[in-house]
Amino acid sequence: MSRQTETSLRLFFALPLPGALRQRLASWRSGLALTGRAVAPDDLHLTLVFLGNQPGSSLALLTAIAAELRGRPFSLCLDQLRCRRGGLLLLTPRQVPDELLALQQGLLQALSQAGVAADTRPYHPHLTLARHSRLPEKSEARAFTWRVTRFALLVSRQQATGHDYQLLGEWLLRP
């Protein structure tokens, strides 16, 4: 008798970037002469909550949680270039909007109430530009601002060239 194993998905909630902003960021980044592996423009995002490996059967619950979540649209300005140990080159906000923190905390609370495990480490919003990198000699960050009106659930799949992200669902922010 064989047991069927349920598929596990590496999931996270994030703020997807509008296409025009992704292209502006990618163009700016290419002028920095970075070392390491750049994140593909289509994969640029700002993580809200990392869920890690979750059973495929959890998608209906996660979709329902996201559909019920409330949050106000807000402006987000990414204007600081940083590099973490391990070579993660990041673009971060100098000022974190209260609405972003409320959205992230509301999502964590809803997940906890539903019994869904999530990463609860202190939240430091950032956009990963490159891996295995370092700050470039000219490390001036440009300010990239956008009106955040939606959030999304994504799955991360390991590929030979790194991670590939696929959008599973998207929801508008509404008070």
Protein backbone atom coordinates (compact mmCIF):
# COMPACT_ATOMS: atom_id res chain seq x y z
CA MET A 1 0.00 0.00 0.00
CA SER A 2 1.57 3.34 -1.03
CA ARG A 3 0.87 6.64 0.58
CA GLN A 4 0.46 9.68 -1.58
CA THR A 5 2.41 12.68 -0.33
CA GLU A 6 0.80 16.09 -0.56
CA THR A 7 2.70 18.68 -2.55
CA SER A 8 4.47 21.27 -0.43
CA LEU A 9 4.67 24.85 -1.72
CA ARG A 10 7.13 27.55 -0.62
CA LEU A 11 4.75 30.50 -0.18
CA PHE A 12 4.86 34.16 0.77
CA PHE A 13 2.69 37.27 0.72
CA ALA A 14 4.27 40.28 -0.96
CA LEU A 15 3.79 43.65 -2.60
CA PRO A 16 4.25 43.15 -6.35
CA LEU A 17 5.79 46.07 -8.20
CA PRO A 18 4.03 47.74 -11.12
CA GLY A 19 5.64 46.88 -14.46
CA ALA A 20 6.93 50.39 -15.19
CA LEU A 21 8.58 50.58 -11.76
CA ARG A 22 10.20 47.15 -12.24
CA GLN A 23 11.69 48.34 -15.51
CA ARG A 24 12.97 51.63 -14.01
CA LEU A 25 14.56 49.72 -11.13
CA ALA A 26 16.16 47.18 -13.45
CA SER A 27 17.55 49.94 -15.66
CA TRP A 28 18.98 51.84 -12.67
CA ARG A 29 20.42 48.63 -11.20
CA SER A 30 22.17 47.71 -14.46
CA GLY A 31 24.05 51.03 -14.27
CA LEU A 32 25.51 50.09 -10.88
CA ALA A 33 27.89 47.44 -12.29
CA LEU A 34 26.92 44.96 -9.58
CA THR A 35 28.62 41.75 -8.69
CA GLY A 36 26.62 38.64 -7.89
CA ARG A 37 23.30 37.47 -9.30
CA ALA A 38 20.65 40.08 -10.03
CA VAL A 39 17.02 39.25 -9.27
CA ALA A 40 15.07 39.04 -12.53
CA PRO A 41 12.99 42.21 -13.10
CA ASP A 42 9.74 40.21 -13.18
CA ASP A 43 10.58 38.74 -9.75
CA LEU A 44 11.15 42.05 -7.93
CA HIS A 45 8.80 42.34 -4.95
CA LEU A 46 8.65 43.42 -1.32
CA THR A 47 7.86 40.51 1.01
CA LEU A 48 5.14 41.04 3.63
CA VAL A 49 5.08 37.60 5.31
CA PHE A 50 7.12 34.52 4.47
CA LEU A 51 5.16 31.32 5.04
CA GLY A 52 7.80 28.78 4.04
CA ASN A 53 6.73 25.30 2.98
CA GLN A 54 2.98 24.88 3.22
CA PRO A 55 0.79 22.03 2.02
CA GLY A 56 -0.93 22.66 -1.31
CA SER A 57 -4.24 22.15 0.46
CA SER A 58 -3.64 25.39 2.42
CA LEU A 59 -4.18 27.58 -0.67
CA ALA A 60 -7.96 27.85 -0.16
CA LEU A 61 -7.47 29.02 3.45
CA LEU A 62 -4.73 31.49 2.50
CA THR A 63 -6.88 32.89 -0.29
CA ALA A 64 -9.80 33.34 2.11
CA ILE A 65 -7.55 35.10 4.66
CA ALA A 66 -6.24 37.48 2.00
CA ALA A 67 -9.73 38.22 0.67
CA GLU A 68 -10.88 39.29 4.14
CA LEU A 69 -7.83 41.40 4.97
CA ARG A 70 -8.30 45.15 5.18
CA GLY A 71 -5.61 47.75 4.60
CA ARG A 72 -5.35 51.26 3.27
CA PRO A 73 -3.49 52.03 0.03
CA PHE A 74 -0.27 53.96 0.71
CA SER A 75 2.82 55.46 -0.89
CA LEU A 76 6.09 53.61 -0.43
CA CYS A 77 9.47 55.15 -1.16
CA LEU A 78 12.49 52.84 -1.47
CA ASP A 79 15.50 55.10 -1.10
CA GLN A 80 18.33 53.36 0.77
CA LEU A 81 20.77 50.90 -0.75
CA ARG A 82 22.10 48.35 1.76
CA CYS A 83 23.97 45.08 1.77
CA ARG A 84 23.34 42.36 4.35
CA ARG A 85 25.81 39.74 5.40
CA GLY A 86 25.68 36.94 2.92
CA GLY A 87 25.64 39.38 0.02
CA LEU A 88 21.97 40.37 -0.23
CA LEU A 89 21.85 43.77 -1.91
CA LEU A 90 18.68 45.53 -0.78
CA LEU A 91 16.69 48.65 -1.46
CA THR A 92 14.86 49.78 1.69
CA PRO A 93 12.61 52.63 2.77
CA ARG A 94 14.15 55.32 4.96
CA GLN A 95 10.67 55.90 6.41
CA VAL A 96 8.42 52.85 6.78
CA PRO A 97 4.77 53.85 6.26
CA ASP A 98 2.43 53.01 9.15
CA GLU A 99 0.03 51.48 6.61
CA LEU A 100 2.71 49.00 5.50
CA LEU A 101 3.36 47.93 9.09
CA ALA A 102 -0.38 47.65 9.77
CA LEU A 103 -0.86 45.49 6.65
CA GLN A 104 2.01 43.19 7.59
CA GLN A 105 0.87 42.88 11.22
CA GLY A 106 -2.77 42.36 10.20
CA LEU A 107 -1.72 39.58 7.87
CA LEU A 108 0.42 37.93 10.58
CA GLN A 109 -2.45 38.14 13.06
CA ALA A 110 -4.99 36.66 10.63
CA LEU A 111 -2.61 33.82 9.76
CA SER A 112 -1.96 33.09 13.44
CA GLN A 113 -5.68 33.04 14.23
CA ALA A 114 -6.17 30.54 11.40
CA GLY A 115 -3.35 28.35 12.71
CA VAL A 116 -1.02 29.01 9.77
CA ALA A 117 2.67 29.09 10.67
CA ALA A 118 4.59 32.10 9.36
CA ASP A 119 7.97 33.75 9.85
CA THR A 120 7.64 36.02 12.89
CA ARG A 121 11.13 37.52 12.93
CA PRO A 122 11.21 41.32 13.20
CA TYR A 123 9.97 42.86 9.98
CA HIS A 124 12.45 44.89 7.91
CA PRO A 125 10.79 45.78 4.60
CA HIS A 126 13.15 45.53 1.64
CA LEU A 127 13.38 44.73 -2.02
CA THR A 128 16.20 42.32 -2.93
CA LEU A 129 18.12 43.58 -5.96
CA ALA A 130 20.88 40.94 -6.08
CA ARG A 131 22.31 37.94 -4.24
CA HIS A 132 26.00 37.17 -3.59
CA SER A 133 26.72 40.85 -4.10
CA ARG A 134 28.16 43.84 -2.28
CA LEU A 135 27.58 47.59 -2.24
CA PRO A 136 28.83 49.09 -5.47
CA GLU A 137 31.45 51.84 -5.31
CA LYS A 138 28.81 54.32 -6.42
CA SER A 139 26.20 53.29 -3.87
CA GLU A 140 23.84 56.21 -4.10
CA ALA A 141 20.26 55.03 -4.02
CA ARG A 142 17.70 56.72 -6.15
CA ALA A 143 14.25 57.14 -4.68
CA PHE A 144 11.67 54.81 -6.18
CA THR A 145 8.14 55.63 -5.06
CA TRP A 146 4.88 53.96 -5.90
CA ARG A 147 1.32 53.92 -4.72
CA VAL A 148 0.73 50.49 -3.17
CA THR A 149 -2.83 49.41 -3.90
CA ARG A 150 -2.57 45.61 -3.84
CA PHE A 151 -0.81 42.65 -2.30
CA ALA A 152 -0.29 39.12 -3.54
CA LEU A 153 0.36 35.49 -2.65
CA LEU A 154 3.32 33.99 -4.48
CA VAL A 155 5.02 30.61 -4.71
CA SER A 156 8.80 30.31 -4.92
CA ARG A 157 10.22 27.48 -7.00
CA GLN A 158 13.90 26.58 -7.05
CA GLN A 159 15.36 26.62 -10.56
CA ALA A 160 18.89 25.95 -11.80
CA THR A 161 19.36 29.72 -12.19
CA GLY A 162 17.87 30.64 -8.79
CA HIS A 163 14.32 31.16 -7.62
CA ASP A 164 11.32 31.67 -9.86
CA TYR A 165 8.23 33.34 -8.43
CA GLN A 166 4.69 32.70 -9.62
CA LEU A 167 1.68 34.82 -8.69
CA LEU A 168 -1.09 32.70 -7.14
CA GLY A 169 -3.52 35.45 -6.18
CA GLU A 170 -3.78 39.21 -5.84
CA TRP A 171 -6.03 41.45 -3.74
CA LEU A 172 -6.75 45.17 -3.70
CA LEU A 173 -6.14 47.07 -0.48
CA ARG A 174 -9.33 48.52 0.93
CA PRO A 175 -10.15 50.07 4.28
